[in-house]
Amino acid sequence: MAIDHISVAVTDLAKSGAFYDAVFGPLGMTRIADRPKAIGYGKKFPEFWINARPEMAPVATDTGCHIALRARSEELVSACYAAALANGGADAGEPGMRPAALTTYFGAFLTDPDGNKVEILTFPQPA
């Protein structure tokens, strides 16, 4: 099985677009589709969509949605995290090793402007 794309509902498309532009930029993903009520991100085709649902109320803490994005390095995890915080994201766990999860796991956690949890992670190789 392969997943073709994922879609997440957001209340403010412009605000969430700025957030996801910042998160995906360091990972090499860009806006590929920009529609009146949706934005699609990817490298060659849209793999991740945000869809405008202005009638929804933003959730202050956690919607139950968890999006995990793999980065190539610890530096990229930290860059995505910093860019996300500067563009409307909220901290849910600073970048760092997570030995309780795995001894080779480095990750950071945020929430997007609508309360969706975003995890950025990598598995660094021992030196």
Protein backbone atom coordinates (compact mmCIF):
# COMPACT_ATOMS: atom_id res chain seq x y z
CA MET A 1 0.00 0.00 0.00
CA ALA A 2 1.14 3.53 -0.73
CA ILE A 3 -0.45 6.76 0.43
CA ASP A 4 -0.91 9.21 -2.43
CA HIS A 5 -1.75 12.34 -0.44
CA ILE A 6 -2.97 13.65 2.91
CA SER A 7 -5.41 16.49 3.51
CA VAL A 8 -5.77 18.58 6.68
CA ALA A 9 -8.59 21.04 7.36
CA VAL A 10 -7.61 24.56 8.48
CA THR A 11 -9.67 27.57 9.51
CA ASP A 12 -7.49 30.28 7.95
CA LEU A 13 -5.89 29.26 4.65
CA ALA A 14 -3.52 32.25 4.43
CA LYS A 15 -2.26 31.85 8.01
CA SER A 16 -1.84 28.09 7.69
CA GLY A 17 -0.27 28.51 4.25
CA ALA A 18 2.44 30.72 5.76
CA PHE A 19 3.03 28.12 8.49
CA TYR A 20 3.32 25.16 6.10
CA ASP A 21 5.39 27.17 3.59
CA ALA A 22 7.90 27.66 6.43
CA VAL A 23 7.80 24.04 7.64
CA PHE A 24 8.09 22.43 4.21
CA GLY A 25 10.67 24.84 2.75
CA PRO A 26 13.73 23.33 4.49
CA LEU A 27 12.48 19.86 3.50
CA GLY A 28 12.46 20.79 -0.20
CA MET A 29 8.67 20.79 -0.57
CA THR A 30 6.92 23.78 -2.12
CA ARG A 31 3.43 24.94 -3.02
CA ILE A 32 2.56 23.07 -6.16
CA ALA A 33 -1.16 23.83 -6.21
CA ASP A 34 -2.65 27.10 -4.98
CA ARG A 35 -6.43 27.12 -5.21
CA PRO A 36 -9.03 29.44 -3.68
CA LYS A 37 -9.85 26.94 -0.90
CA ALA A 38 -6.82 24.64 -0.86
CA ILE A 39 -3.02 24.58 -1.06
CA GLY A 40 -1.07 21.50 -2.17
CA TYR A 41 2.57 20.86 -1.23
CA GLY A 42 5.09 18.45 -2.65
CA LYS A 43 8.29 17.96 -4.60
CA LYS A 44 6.82 16.81 -7.94
CA PHE A 45 3.08 16.58 -7.23
CA PRO A 46 0.86 17.55 -4.30
CA GLU A 47 1.35 15.06 -1.47
CA PHE A 48 0.06 17.20 1.40
CA TRP A 49 -3.00 19.45 1.18
CA ILE A 50 -4.49 22.03 3.49
CA ASN A 51 -8.16 22.78 2.87
CA ALA A 52 -10.03 25.87 4.04
CA ARG A 53 -12.78 25.10 6.52
CA PRO A 54 -13.46 28.55 8.01
CA GLU A 55 -16.60 27.28 9.76
CA MET A 56 -14.47 25.14 12.09
CA ALA A 57 -13.35 26.59 15.38
CA PRO A 58 -9.59 26.35 15.99
CA VAL A 59 -8.65 23.99 18.82
CA ALA A 60 -6.38 25.54 21.44
CA THR A 61 -4.31 22.46 22.19
CA ASP A 62 -4.73 19.24 20.21
CA THR A 63 -7.09 18.19 17.42
CA GLY A 64 -5.96 14.56 17.53
CA CYS A 65 -4.31 15.00 14.11
CA HIS A 66 -0.59 14.10 14.12
CA ILE A 67 1.59 14.81 11.07
CA ALA A 68 5.13 13.37 11.13
CA LEU A 69 7.67 14.70 8.62
CA ARG A 70 11.07 13.07 8.06
CA ALA A 71 14.10 15.36 7.64
CA ARG A 72 17.57 14.36 6.40
CA SER A 73 19.46 15.80 9.38
CA GLU A 74 19.24 17.24 12.87
CA GLU A 75 20.00 20.66 11.37
CA LEU A 76 16.94 20.41 9.11
CA VAL A 77 14.75 19.37 12.05
CA SER A 78 15.92 22.46 13.93
CA ALA A 79 15.48 24.71 10.87
CA CYS A 80 11.91 23.52 10.30
CA TYR A 81 11.10 23.95 13.99
CA ALA A 82 12.46 27.53 14.08
CA ALA A 83 10.69 28.47 10.84
CA ALA A 84 7.41 27.04 12.12
CA LEU A 85 7.62 28.97 15.40
CA ALA A 86 8.30 32.18 13.46
CA ASN A 87 5.18 31.57 11.34
CA GLY A 88 2.41 30.88 13.83
CA GLY A 89 3.41 27.50 15.25
CA ALA A 90 3.42 26.73 18.97
CA ASP A 91 6.09 24.71 20.75
CA ALA A 92 5.16 21.19 21.83
CA GLY A 93 8.71 19.85 22.27
CA GLU A 94 12.04 21.45 21.34
CA PRO A 95 14.45 19.70 18.95
CA GLY A 96 16.48 17.00 20.64
CA MET A 97 17.26 13.34 21.07
CA ARG A 98 14.36 11.25 22.35
CA PRO A 99 16.04 8.18 23.90
CA ALA A 100 12.80 7.15 25.59
CA ALA A 101 11.35 6.58 22.11
CA LEU A 102 14.45 5.29 20.29
CA THR A 103 18.15 5.72 20.90
CA THR A 104 18.62 7.04 17.35
CA TYR A 105 15.63 9.40 17.21
CA PHE A 106 16.01 13.20 17.01
CA GLY A 107 12.79 15.17 16.77
CA ALA A 108 10.79 18.30 17.47
CA PHE A 109 7.08 18.86 18.04
CA LEU A 110 4.81 21.82 17.32
CA THR A 111 1.19 22.59 16.78
CA ASP A 112 0.03 24.44 13.69
CA PRO A 113 -2.30 27.46 13.95
CA ASP A 114 -5.31 25.10 14.21
CA GLY A 115 -3.90 22.78 16.89
CA ASN A 116 -2.76 19.96 14.58
CA LYS A 117 0.40 18.33 15.98
CA VAL A 118 3.41 18.45 13.65
CA GLU A 119 6.42 16.25 14.35
CA ILE A 120 9.69 16.73 12.48
CA LEU A 121 12.17 13.89 12.92
CA THR A 122 15.33 12.23 11.75
CA PHE A 123 17.34 9.14 12.67
CA PRO A 124 20.96 10.34 12.89
CA GLN A 125 23.67 7.80 12.20
CA PRO A 126 26.28 7.29 14.93
CA ALA A 127 29.61 8.97 14.16
